[in-house]
């Protein structure tokens, strides 16, 4: 999409937003909240392309990752963990079930509920998507080494693991 007539660049956020060819304008790069938001936008924009060889899109990837790691007991809980409306989670699960990547099984503790379980094919697709996403992230952040990306991930993960409103600053 070309927005140059409106004074906006048509480049993706990671493709050279600054006037001197920097990936991001100095006004964004010098402010952590703006930089993280811009990187998130770039990840979302590129994610589906990166993941295409796995047969997944970004939402599929997130659903499989949450189901595999967090094992939510209900689709309602899955929706909460996705940060999406329950109807969106149901549509995503339907798509993954049609592709043979998940199954709905009756919960033995409560026969009225269905649990969503990742199939072996779903685990394979998730592993492939993990590799593709890691490769894409290295393309998005070419100035960081693997070790530096690991440190960044560790810091972001630790920061995001605190309950809302709680900080490590005391």
Foldseek 3Di string as FASTA:
>chain_A
DCPVVVVAHPDQLQQARDPVRHSHHPVQVVDVVSVVVSLVSNCQVCQQVLLVVLVDGPVLLLLLVCCVPVVDAALCVSCVVVVHDSVVSVVSLVVCVVVVQWDWDQDPVHNVGTGIHGDPSVVVSNVVSVVSSVVVVCVSCVVDDPVRVVVVVVVVVVQVPDPPPDDPPD
